[in-house]
Amino acid sequence: MVPDLGKALEAAQAEGGAIAMPVVDNGWVKKAQVRDPAGNLLTLIQG
């Protein structure tokens, strides 16, 4: 869980990560997925 999804995505990319799924807002949760430099998939949820 992150306080600001946009900033978290920027930080992930700055550290070598890649966005795997752009921000999705389904009305009750805002989330996105990133891959770290090793290829691991992480889900980030704004809360």
N, C-alpha and C. Protein backbone atom coordinates (compact mmCIF):
# COMPACT_ATOMS: atom_id res chain seq x y z
N MET A 1 0.84 -1.15 0.00
CA MET A 1 0.00 0.00 0.00
C MET A 1 0.91 1.24 0.00
N VAL A 2 0.56 2.20 -0.83
CA VAL A 2 1.34 3.43 -0.95
C VAL A 2 0.41 4.63 -0.80
N PRO A 3 0.92 5.75 -0.25
CA PRO A 3 0.08 6.93 -0.08
C PRO A 3 -0.22 7.67 -1.38
N ASP A 4 0.69 7.61 -2.35
CA ASP A 4 0.51 8.31 -3.63
C ASP A 4 0.97 7.39 -4.75
N LEU A 5 0.03 6.85 -5.48
CA LEU A 5 0.33 5.87 -6.52
C LEU A 5 1.20 6.45 -7.63
N GLY A 6 0.92 7.68 -8.05
CA GLY A 6 1.71 8.30 -9.11
C GLY A 6 3.17 8.45 -8.73
N LYS A 7 3.41 8.92 -7.52
CA LYS A 7 4.79 9.08 -7.04
C LYS A 7 5.48 7.73 -6.90
N ALA A 8 4.74 6.73 -6.44
CA ALA A 8 5.33 5.39 -6.29
C ALA A 8 5.73 4.81 -7.64
N LEU A 9 4.91 5.03 -8.66
CA LEU A 9 5.24 4.54 -10.00
C LEU A 9 6.48 5.26 -10.55
N GLU A 10 6.55 6.56 -10.34
CA GLU A 10 7.73 7.33 -10.77
C GLU A 10 8.98 6.81 -10.09
N ALA A 11 8.89 6.56 -8.78
CA ALA A 11 10.03 6.07 -8.02
C ALA A 11 10.45 4.68 -8.51
N ALA A 12 9.49 3.82 -8.78
CA ALA A 12 9.81 2.47 -9.27
C ALA A 12 10.54 2.53 -10.60
N GLN A 13 10.08 3.39 -11.50
CA GLN A 13 10.75 3.53 -12.81
C GLN A 13 12.14 4.13 -12.64
N ALA A 14 12.30 5.07 -11.74
CA ALA A 14 13.60 5.70 -11.52
C ALA A 14 14.63 4.69 -10.99
N GLU A 15 14.14 3.64 -10.32
CA GLU A 15 15.03 2.61 -9.77
C GLU A 15 15.19 1.42 -10.70
N GLY A 16 14.70 1.52 -11.95
CA GLY A 16 14.90 0.46 -12.91
C GLY A 16 13.71 -0.46 -13.11
N GLY A 17 12.59 -0.16 -12.45
CA GLY A 17 11.39 -0.98 -12.63
C GLY A 17 10.64 -0.58 -13.89
N ALA A 18 9.64 -1.38 -14.24
CA ALA A 18 8.83 -1.12 -15.42
C ALA A 18 7.35 -1.28 -15.06
N ILE A 19 6.52 -0.44 -15.62
CA ILE A 19 5.09 -0.53 -15.37
C ILE A 19 4.54 -1.72 -16.16
N ALA A 20 3.90 -2.66 -15.46
CA ALA A 20 3.32 -3.84 -16.09
C ALA A 20 1.82 -3.64 -16.33
N MET A 21 1.17 -2.86 -15.47
CA MET A 21 -0.25 -2.54 -15.63
C MET A 21 -0.43 -1.09 -15.18
N PRO A 22 -0.92 -0.23 -16.06
CA PRO A 22 -1.11 1.17 -15.68
C PRO A 22 -2.18 1.31 -14.59
N VAL A 23 -2.32 2.50 -14.07
CA VAL A 23 -3.27 2.76 -12.99
C VAL A 23 -4.69 2.39 -13.40
N VAL A 24 -5.34 1.66 -12.52
CA VAL A 24 -6.74 1.27 -12.68
C VAL A 24 -7.50 1.80 -11.48
N ASP A 25 -8.58 2.51 -11.73
CA ASP A 25 -9.44 3.02 -10.66
C ASP A 25 -10.82 2.44 -10.88
N ASN A 26 -11.17 1.44 -10.08
CA ASN A 26 -12.47 0.79 -10.27
C ASN A 26 -13.54 1.35 -9.32
N GLY A 27 -13.26 2.48 -8.71
CA GLY A 27 -14.24 3.13 -7.85
C GLY A 27 -14.02 2.88 -6.37
N TRP A 28 -13.43 1.77 -6.00
CA TRP A 28 -13.17 1.52 -4.59
C TRP A 28 -11.70 1.31 -4.28
N VAL A 29 -10.90 1.12 -5.32
CA VAL A 29 -9.46 0.99 -5.12
C VAL A 29 -8.74 1.49 -6.38
N LYS A 30 -7.59 2.11 -6.15
CA LYS A 30 -6.71 2.56 -7.24
C LYS A 30 -5.46 1.72 -7.15
N LYS A 31 -5.10 1.03 -8.25
CA LYS A 31 -3.95 0.14 -8.20
C LYS A 31 -3.20 0.15 -9.52
N ALA A 32 -1.99 -0.37 -9.48
CA ALA A 32 -1.14 -0.54 -10.66
C ALA A 32 -0.16 -1.67 -10.35
N GLN A 33 0.50 -2.18 -11.39
CA GLN A 33 1.50 -3.21 -11.18
C GLN A 33 2.81 -2.79 -11.84
N VAL A 34 3.90 -3.15 -11.18
CA VAL A 34 5.23 -2.88 -11.70
C VAL A 34 6.07 -4.15 -11.63
N ARG A 35 7.08 -4.22 -12.47
CA ARG A 35 8.07 -5.29 -12.39
C ARG A 35 9.37 -4.67 -11.91
N ASP A 36 9.97 -5.29 -10.90
CA ASP A 36 11.26 -4.79 -10.43
C ASP A 36 12.34 -5.22 -11.41
N PRO A 37 13.58 -4.74 -11.24
CA PRO A 37 14.65 -5.08 -12.19
C PRO A 37 14.90 -6.59 -12.32
N ALA A 38 14.52 -7.37 -11.31
CA ALA A 38 14.71 -8.82 -11.38
C ALA A 38 13.53 -9.52 -12.05
N GLY A 39 12.48 -8.74 -12.40
CA GLY A 39 11.33 -9.31 -13.09
C GLY A 39 10.16 -9.68 -12.19
N ASN A 40 10.30 -9.45 -10.89
CA ASN A 40 9.21 -9.77 -9.97
C ASN A 40 8.05 -8.80 -10.15
N LEU A 41 6.83 -9.31 -10.12
CA LEU A 41 5.63 -8.50 -10.30
C LEU A 41 5.11 -8.04 -8.94
N LEU A 42 4.89 -6.73 -8.81
CA LEU A 42 4.40 -6.14 -7.57
C LEU A 42 3.12 -5.35 -7.85
N THR A 43 2.13 -5.50 -7.00
CA THR A 43 0.92 -4.71 -7.10
C THR A 43 0.98 -3.59 -6.09
N LEU A 44 0.79 -2.36 -6.56
CA LEU A 44 0.78 -1.18 -5.70
C LEU A 44 -0.66 -0.70 -5.57
N ILE A 45 -1.11 -0.49 -4.33
CA ILE A 45 -2.47 -0.03 -4.07
C ILE A 45 -2.38 1.28 -3.30
N GLN A 46 -3.12 2.28 -3.79
CA GLN A 46 -3.13 3.58 -3.10
C GLN A 46 -4.07 3.49 -1.92
N GLY A 47 -3.55 3.92 -0.76
CA GLY A 47 -4.41 3.87 0.43
C GLY A 47 -4.14 4.97 1.38
